[in-house]
Protein backbone atom coordinates (compact mmCIF):
# COMPACT_ATOMS: atom_id res chain seq x y z
CA MET A 1 105.03 86.51 101.27
CA THR A 2 106.68 87.53 104.51
CA PHE A 3 105.79 89.45 107.59
CA ALA A 4 107.89 92.30 108.92
CA ARG A 5 110.54 91.30 111.39
CA ARG A 6 110.68 92.85 114.80
CA GLU A 7 112.71 95.98 115.26
CA ARG A 8 113.98 97.61 118.42
CA GLY A 9 114.17 101.14 119.71
CA VAL A 10 112.41 104.33 118.73
CA SER A 11 111.83 103.25 115.13
CA ALA A 12 110.05 100.14 116.38
CA ARG A 13 107.66 102.24 118.46
CA LEU A 14 106.99 104.53 115.51
CA ALA A 15 106.43 101.53 113.26
CA ARG A 16 103.92 100.08 115.73
CA TRP A 17 102.03 103.38 115.96
CA SER A 18 102.08 103.73 112.18
CA LYS A 19 100.66 100.24 111.75
CA ALA A 20 98.02 100.81 114.42
CA ILE A 21 96.88 104.09 112.84
CA ALA A 22 96.77 102.54 109.36
CA LEU A 23 94.78 99.57 110.63
CA ALA A 24 92.35 101.80 112.53
CA ALA A 25 91.79 104.11 109.55
CA ALA A 26 91.29 101.20 107.15
CA GLY A 27 88.92 99.50 109.57
CA ALA A 28 86.91 102.67 110.11
CA ALA A 29 86.54 103.33 106.38
CA SER A 30 85.58 99.72 105.69
CA LEU A 31 83.07 99.62 108.52
CA ALA A 32 81.53 102.94 107.50
CA LEU A 33 81.00 101.82 103.91
CA THR A 34 79.87 98.31 104.88
CA LEU A 35 77.45 99.19 107.67
CA ASP A 36 75.99 102.30 106.04
CA PRO A 37 76.30 102.02 102.25
CA TYR A 38 73.98 104.99 101.80
CA VAL A 39 76.53 107.33 103.38
CA LEU A 40 77.53 108.26 99.80
CA ASN A 41 73.91 108.79 98.72
CA GLY A 42 74.28 112.56 98.25
CA VAL A 43 77.49 112.26 96.23
CA SER A 44 77.21 112.36 92.45
CA SER A 45 77.61 109.08 90.62
CA ALA A 46 80.61 110.31 88.63
CA ARG A 47 82.51 111.22 91.80
CA VAL A 48 81.63 107.91 93.45
CA HIS A 49 82.93 105.99 90.44
CA ALA A 50 86.10 108.10 90.38
CA GLY A 51 86.83 108.24 94.11
CA LEU A 52 85.67 104.95 95.56
CA PRO A 53 88.19 102.72 93.72
CA LEU A 54 91.04 104.98 94.86
CA LEU A 55 89.72 104.93 98.41
CA MET A 56 89.36 101.14 98.47
CA LEU A 57 92.84 100.59 97.01
CA GLY A 58 94.19 102.82 99.77
CA VAL A 59 92.19 100.89 102.35
CA SER A 60 93.59 97.57 101.13
CA GLY A 61 97.14 98.94 101.26
CA ALA A 62 96.51 100.29 104.76
CA PHE A 63 95.21 96.87 105.85
CA ALA A 64 98.32 95.21 104.41
CA HIS A 65 100.59 97.66 106.24
CA GLY A 66 98.60 97.53 109.46
CA LEU A 67 98.72 93.76 109.61
CA GLY A 68 102.47 93.73 108.94
CA PHE A 69 102.43 92.15 105.49
CA ARG A 70 105.59 92.73 103.45
CA PRO A 71 105.78 91.13 99.98
CA ALA A 72 109.00 89.54 98.79
CA GLN A 73 108.81 90.99 95.26
CA PRO A 74 110.13 94.57 94.94
CA ILE A 75 107.28 95.66 92.64
CA LEU A 76 104.60 94.53 95.06
CA ARG A 77 106.59 95.99 97.94
CA GLY A 78 106.47 99.36 96.18
CA LEU A 79 102.77 99.09 95.35
CA LEU A 80 101.85 98.14 98.93
CA HIS A 81 104.09 100.77 100.53
CA PRO A 82 102.32 102.75 103.27
CA ALA A 83 102.96 106.07 101.49
CA VAL A 84 101.19 104.79 98.37
CA ALA A 85 98.30 103.54 100.50
CA TRP A 86 97.91 106.90 102.27
CA ILE A 87 98.09 108.83 98.99
CA LEU A 88 95.39 106.63 97.43
CA PHE A 89 93.31 106.80 100.61
CA GLY A 90 93.54 110.60 100.70
CA ALA A 91 92.95 111.02 96.97
CA GLY A 92 89.83 108.87 97.06
CA ALA A 93 88.48 110.63 100.14
CA SER A 94 89.16 114.06 98.66
CA VAL A 95 87.45 113.18 95.36
CA LEU A 96 84.40 112.04 97.32
CA ALA A 97 84.44 115.11 99.58
CA ILE A 98 84.85 117.83 96.93
CA HIS A 99 81.54 119.53 96.16
């Protein structure tokens, strides 16, 4: 279990913005579902059970990326990659949003 080392230059600024956006999106989704659990009241039960696990896996990956966590094992590093987190986040949100 390691944390990302500091980088310099343009890529460091992009990495900071990427982490900040991921942390803000994960925090917003978590707060929305925690503070108002009935926000999904109008969504069918089948879609909630299909989309919510994907959304929450994406949120956990976004939290890991936003906080700077970088696992030492290559398999976990691939599973917690920001691209995987955003794909899961988007897939879960789209399953919940499709009418």
